[in-house]
């Protein structure tokens, strides 16, 4: 390895990467469409925003999106994933936070270890038919359900 290559690696790691992080911060989330044997889907109602949504949350430092999905589903709904879920899409969600992205998985093989009681983050969770979605379902949730179950073309935007 030449000195120039070694110096470039040092510059990249200690100078340029921190600068890029400040200039281009990115957030990433993982959400799951948990499908029951009867075809209904699991939705949650958060305490801090309106409407029924898919369970999930942010990917933490040193965590993969799949690890984040497993953690969030278990924390929020007591769901344990039994088989690797299908990655359905990656969406940009600039309405919530500039440069936010959401990975969406379809989870068909799972079981529940427990049913958590409502708490400070999750006011409720329940299974709903895909059609009709709950009257107060979040619009992004309805769009994703249409993409997954009704063949509506996928969007890049959440």
Protein backbone atom coordinates (compact mmCIF):
# COMPACT_ATOMS: atom_id res chain seq x y z
CA UNK A 1 0.00 0.00 0.00
CA UNK A 2 1.39 3.38 -0.94
CA UNK A 3 1.60 6.27 1.53
CA UNK A 4 -0.84 8.20 -0.63
CA UNK A 5 -3.42 5.44 -0.33
CA UNK A 6 -2.90 5.25 3.43
CA UNK A 7 -3.11 9.04 3.75
CA UNK A 8 -6.26 9.09 1.62
CA UNK A 9 -7.86 6.46 3.86
CA UNK A 10 -7.05 8.56 6.92
CA UNK A 11 -8.47 11.69 5.28
CA UNK A 12 -11.61 9.84 4.22
CA UNK A 13 -12.22 8.35 7.65
CA UNK A 14 -11.37 11.32 9.90
CA UNK A 15 -12.07 14.36 7.74
CA UNK A 16 -14.40 13.68 4.84
CA UNK A 17 -16.81 11.14 6.38
CA UNK A 18 -17.71 13.35 9.38
CA UNK A 19 -18.13 16.31 7.02
CA UNK A 20 -20.43 14.28 4.73
CA UNK A 21 -22.50 13.18 7.73
CA UNK A 22 -23.08 16.79 8.71
CA UNK A 23 -23.95 17.81 5.17
CA UNK A 24 -26.07 14.78 4.28
CA UNK A 25 -27.69 13.31 7.40
CA UNK A 26 -29.89 10.32 6.69
CA UNK A 27 -32.44 8.52 8.81
CA UNK A 28 -33.59 4.98 8.11
CA UNK A 29 -36.54 3.03 9.43
CA UNK A 30 -37.86 -0.51 9.16
CA UNK A 31 -41.57 -1.31 9.14
CA UNK A 32 -43.41 -4.60 8.81
CA UNK A 33 -46.66 -5.62 7.18
CA UNK A 34 -47.46 -8.54 9.50
CA UNK A 35 -49.98 -10.76 7.71
CA UNK A 36 -52.13 -13.13 9.76
CA UNK A 37 -53.32 -16.57 8.62
CA UNK A 38 -56.72 -15.02 7.89
CA UNK A 39 -55.16 -12.35 5.63
CA UNK A 40 -55.67 -9.48 8.05
CA UNK A 41 -52.73 -7.16 8.79
CA UNK A 42 -51.37 -5.92 12.09
CA UNK A 43 -51.51 -2.17 12.59
CA UNK A 44 -50.52 0.06 15.49
CA UNK A 45 -51.76 3.40 16.76
CA UNK A 46 -48.97 5.59 18.11
CA UNK A 47 -49.45 8.03 20.98
CA UNK A 48 -47.61 10.79 19.10
CA UNK A 49 -49.27 10.78 15.64
CA UNK A 50 -52.74 10.10 14.24
CA UNK A 51 -53.99 7.06 12.35
CA UNK A 52 -53.25 3.35 12.17
CA UNK A 53 -49.76 2.51 10.84
CA UNK A 54 -47.49 -0.47 10.34
CA UNK A 55 -45.37 -1.43 13.35
CA UNK A 56 -41.71 -0.54 13.14
CA UNK A 57 -39.21 2.15 13.92
CA UNK A 58 -35.75 3.58 13.42
CA UNK A 59 -32.62 1.64 12.65
CA UNK A 60 -30.13 2.27 15.42
CA UNK A 61 -26.36 2.61 15.18
CA UNK A 62 -24.63 -0.70 14.31
CA UNK A 63 -27.98 -2.36 13.56
CA UNK A 64 -29.18 -3.89 10.30
CA UNK A 65 -32.65 -3.10 8.97
CA UNK A 66 -33.72 -6.69 9.62
CA UNK A 67 -32.45 -6.57 13.21
CA UNK A 68 -34.30 -3.26 13.71
CA UNK A 69 -37.49 -4.76 12.28
CA UNK A 70 -37.28 -7.79 14.58
CA UNK A 71 -36.64 -5.59 17.62
CA UNK A 72 -39.44 -3.14 16.83
CA UNK A 73 -42.06 -5.82 16.07
CA UNK A 74 -41.27 -7.60 19.31
CA UNK A 75 -41.22 -4.42 21.43
CA UNK A 76 -44.39 -2.93 19.94
CA UNK A 77 -46.54 -6.01 19.31
CA UNK A 78 -44.89 -9.11 20.80
CA UNK A 79 -44.29 -10.47 17.28
CA UNK A 80 -41.37 -12.84 16.73
CA UNK A 81 -40.29 -13.40 13.12
CA UNK A 82 -39.91 -17.12 12.31
CA UNK A 83 -38.64 -16.86 8.72
CA UNK A 84 -36.81 -14.04 6.93
CA UNK A 85 -39.47 -11.63 5.65
CA UNK A 86 -39.62 -10.28 2.11
CA UNK A 87 -38.27 -6.78 1.54
CA UNK A 88 -41.11 -5.12 -0.38
CA UNK A 89 -39.64 -1.67 -0.94
CA UNK A 90 -37.53 1.26 0.15
CA UNK A 91 -39.34 4.59 0.29
CA UNK A 92 -38.34 8.22 0.74
CA UNK A 93 -40.30 9.93 3.50
CA UNK A 94 -39.33 13.58 3.21
CA UNK A 95 -42.63 14.78 4.71
CA UNK A 96 -41.60 13.59 8.18
CA UNK A 97 -37.89 14.47 8.06
CA UNK A 98 -35.62 15.57 5.20
CA UNK A 99 -33.74 12.56 3.85
CA UNK A 100 -35.74 9.98 5.82
CA UNK A 101 -36.12 6.52 4.27
CA UNK A 102 -38.35 3.61 5.19
CA UNK A 103 -37.74 -0.05 4.39
CA UNK A 104 -40.95 -2.07 4.23
CA UNK A 105 -41.03 -5.83 4.79
CA UNK A 106 -43.90 -8.29 4.36
CA UNK A 107 -43.89 -10.68 7.33
CA UNK A 108 -45.86 -13.90 6.74
CA UNK A 109 -44.07 -16.34 9.07
CA UNK A 110 -44.27 -15.22 12.68
CA UNK A 111 -45.74 -15.95 16.10
CA UNK A 112 -46.55 -13.86 19.13
CA UNK A 113 -44.56 -14.35 22.30
CA UNK A 114 -46.92 -12.03 24.21
CA UNK A 115 -49.46 -9.26 23.64
CA UNK A 116 -48.04 -6.04 25.06
CA UNK A 117 -50.31 -3.67 26.95
CA UNK A 118 -50.64 -0.10 25.67
CA UNK A 119 -47.72 2.10 26.72
CA UNK A 120 -46.23 5.58 26.22
CA UNK A 121 -45.45 4.88 22.55
CA UNK A 122 -48.10 2.42 21.34
CA UNK A 123 -51.68 3.27 22.29
CA UNK A 124 -53.15 0.19 20.57
CA UNK A 125 -52.45 -2.63 18.12
CA UNK A 126 -54.91 -4.85 16.29
CA UNK A 127 -55.46 -6.87 13.13
CA UNK A 128 -57.57 -5.37 10.32
CA UNK A 129 -58.79 -6.55 6.94
CA UNK A 130 -56.85 -5.13 3.99
CA UNK A 131 -60.12 -3.91 2.45
CA UNK A 132 -61.59 -1.82 3.79
CA UNK A 133 -58.75 -0.41 5.84
CA UNK A 134 -59.74 1.28 9.11
CA UNK A 135 -61.44 4.63 8.58
CA UNK A 136 -58.64 6.49 10.37
CA UNK A 137 -55.78 4.59 8.72
CA UNK A 138 -52.76 6.71 7.75
CA UNK A 139 -52.76 7.52 4.04
CA UNK A 140 -49.27 6.04 3.51
CA UNK A 141 -50.45 2.79 5.10
CA UNK A 142 -53.42 2.61 2.73
CA UNK A 143 -51.14 3.24 -0.26
CA UNK A 144 -48.73 0.47 0.80
CA UNK A 145 -51.62 -1.98 1.35
CA UNK A 146 -52.84 -1.20 -2.19
CA UNK A 147 -49.35 -1.79 -3.58
CA UNK A 148 -48.90 -5.10 -1.78
CA UNK A 149 -52.37 -6.62 -2.05
CA UNK A 150 -54.09 -4.85 -4.96
CA UNK A 151 -51.31 -4.57 -7.53
CA UNK A 152 -51.19 -0.77 -7.50
CA UNK A 153 -47.83 0.38 -8.96
CA UNK A 154 -45.20 1.09 -6.32
CA UNK A 155 -44.20 4.62 -5.46
CA UNK A 156 -40.76 5.79 -4.39
CA UNK A 157 -42.37 8.12 -1.86
CA UNK A 158 -43.87 7.06 1.43
